C-alpha atoms as a PDB file:
ATOM      1  CA  MET A   1       9.235  -6.672  17.894  1.00  0.00           C
ATOM      2  CA  SER A   2       6.625  -7.289  15.989  1.00  0.00           C
ATOM      3  CA  ILE A   3       4.233  -5.046  14.172  1.00  0.00           C
ATOM      4  CA  ASP A   4       1.458  -5.648  17.194  1.00  0.00           C
ATOM      5  CA  GLY A   5       4.730  -5.418  19.693  1.00  0.00           C
ATOM      6  CA  GLU A   6       4.813  -1.667  17.920  1.00  0.00           C
ATOM      7  CA  LYS A   7       1.447  -1.258  18.347  1.00  0.00           C
ATOM      8  CA  LEU A   8       0.890  -1.119  21.624  1.00  0.00           C
ATOM      9  CA  LYS A   9       4.380   0.510  22.495  1.00  0.00           C
ATOM     10  CA  LEU A  10       2.486   3.424  20.602  1.00  0.00           C
ATOM     11  CA  ILE A  11      -0.476   3.129  22.390  1.00  0.00           C
ATOM     12  CA  GLN A  12       0.699   2.950  26.025  1.00  0.00           C
ATOM     13  CA  TRP A  13       2.220   6.341  24.672  1.00  0.00           C
ATOM     14  CA  ILE A  14      -0.567   8.401  23.536  1.00  0.00           C
ATOM     15  CA  LEU A  15      -1.838   6.790  27.096  1.00  0.00           C
ATOM     16  CA  SER A  16       0.822   8.913  28.278  1.00  0.00           C
ATOM     17  CA  LEU A  17       0.876  11.841  27.043  1.00  0.00           C
ATOM     18  CA  GLU A  18      -0.373  14.503  28.528  1.00  0.00           C
ATOM     19  CA  GLU A  19       0.573  17.882  26.299  1.00  0.00           C
ATOM     20  CA  GLY A  20      -1.890  18.909  23.648  1.00  0.00           C
ATOM     21  CA  ALA A  21       0.509  20.063  20.252  1.00  0.00           C
ATOM     22  CA  ALA A  22       1.780  15.817  20.573  1.00  0.00           C
ATOM     23  CA  LEU A  23      -1.866  14.452  20.653  1.00  0.00           C
ATOM     24  CA  ASP A  24      -2.076  17.208  17.869  1.00  0.00           C
ATOM     25  CA  ARG A  25       0.447  15.842  16.715  1.00  0.00           C
ATOM     26  CA  VAL A  26      -1.527  12.204  16.062  1.00  0.00           C
ATOM     27  CA  LYS A  27      -4.453  13.282  15.284  1.00  0.00           C
ATOM     28  CA  MET A  28      -3.086  14.654  11.832  1.00  0.00           C
ATOM     29  CA  LEU A  29      -0.674  12.044  11.429  1.00  0.00           C
ATOM     30  CA  MET A  30      -4.585  10.074  11.542  1.00  0.00           C
ATOM     31  CA  LYS A  31      -5.841  12.819   9.526  1.00  0.00           C
ATOM     32  CA  ASN A  32      -3.244  12.169   6.755  1.00  0.00           C
ATOM     33  CA  GLN A  33      -3.117   7.848   6.630  1.00  0.00           C
ATOM     34  CA  LYS A  34      -6.334   8.538   5.436  1.00  0.00           C
ATOM     35  CA  ASN A  35      -5.370  10.468   2.354  1.00  0.00           C
ATOM     36  CA  LEU A  36      -3.309   8.538   1.190  1.00  0.00           C
ATOM     37  CA  ASP A  37      -3.300   7.316  -1.407  1.00  0.00           C
ATOM     38  CA  TRP A  38      -3.653   3.493  -2.894  1.00  0.00           C
ATOM     39  CA  TRP A  39      -0.410   4.262  -4.913  1.00  0.00           C
ATOM     40  CA  ASP A  40       1.354   5.442  -1.595  1.00  0.00           C
ATOM     41  CA  LYS A  41       0.217   2.113   0.126  1.00  0.00           C
ATOM     42  CA  ILE A  42       1.541  -0.580  -1.655  1.00  0.00           C
ATOM     43  CA  THR A  43       4.779  -2.491  -1.566  1.00  0.00           C
ATOM     44  CA  LYS A  44       7.534  -1.557  -4.413  1.00  0.00           C
ATOM     45  CA  GLU A  45       7.354  -5.098  -5.874  1.00  0.00           C
ATOM     46  CA  GLU A  46       2.930  -4.034  -5.705  1.00  0.00           C
ATOM     47  CA  ARG A  47       4.762  -0.893  -6.951  1.00  0.00           C
ATOM     48  CA  SER A  48       7.999  -2.225  -9.943  1.00  0.00           C
ATOM     49  CA  ALA A  49       4.707  -5.241 -11.295  1.00  0.00           C
ATOM     50  CA  ILE A  50       3.237  -2.577 -12.187  1.00  0.00           C
ATOM     51  CA  GLU A  51       5.654  -0.170 -13.927  1.00  0.00           C
ATOM     52  CA  LYS A  52       7.080  -3.429 -15.469  1.00  0.00           C
ATOM     53  CA  GLY A  53       2.914  -3.480 -17.262  1.00  0.00           C
ATOM     54  CA  LEU A  54       2.605  -0.060 -18.291  1.00  0.00           C
ATOM     55  CA  GLU A  55       6.916  -0.789 -19.840  1.00  0.00           C
ATOM     56  CA  GLU A  56       5.389  -3.829 -21.703  1.00  0.00           C
ATOM     57  CA  LEU A  57       1.926  -1.942 -22.557  1.00  0.00           C
ATOM     58  CA  LYS A  58       3.863   1.199 -24.360  1.00  0.00           C
ATOM     59  CA  ALA A  59       6.043  -0.935 -26.210  1.00  0.00           C
ATOM     60  CA  GLY A  60       3.062  -3.569 -27.807  1.00  0.00           C
ATOM     61  CA  ARG A  61       3.450  -5.996 -25.827  1.00  0.00           C
ATOM     62  CA  VAL A  62      -0.155  -6.442 -24.934  1.00  0.00           C
ATOM     63  CA  LYS A  63      -2.688  -9.399 -25.397  1.00  0.00           C
ATOM     64  CA  PHE A  64      -6.141  -9.592 -25.676  1.00  0.00           C
ATOM     65  CA  HIS A  65      -7.325 -11.134 -23.125  1.00  0.00           C
ATOM     66  CA  SER A  66      -9.548 -13.464 -25.223  1.00  0.00           C
ATOM     67  CA  GLN A  67      -5.800 -14.436 -26.321  1.00  0.00           C
ATOM     68  CA  ALA A  68      -4.554 -14.328 -22.615  1.00  0.00           C
ATOM     69  CA  ARG A  69      -7.581 -17.915 -21.482  1.00  0.00           C
ATOM     70  CA  LYS A  70      -7.505 -19.114 -24.324  1.00  0.00           C
ATOM     71  CA  LEU A  71      -3.524 -19.381 -23.775  1.00  0.00           C
ATOM     72  CA  TYR A  72      -3.709 -20.722 -20.550  1.00  0.00           C
ATOM     73  CA  ALA A  73      -7.187 -22.790 -20.340  1.00  0.00           C
ATOM     74  CA  LYS A  74      -6.214 -25.787 -18.954  1.00  0.00           C
ATOM     75  CA  TRP A  75      -4.811 -24.398 -15.792  1.00  0.00           C
ATOM     76  CA  LEU A  76      -8.806 -21.527 -15.514  1.00  0.00           C
END
């Protein structure tokens, strides 16, 4: 099922709720979603790329911005 289909299914379920406790839990999920750190919102691939970059930095394998611009000038 597509994401939009899943959303519609959840909306229909929420509309059918008659119990206050279940609605309170849904509200809690909404509140917690807003408090997520950006790190928790990115994909595993993005996290992996960032971690790899940090490892490269720690190992001293970095280039200054000016060096990178010279290296890739023909594509910029």
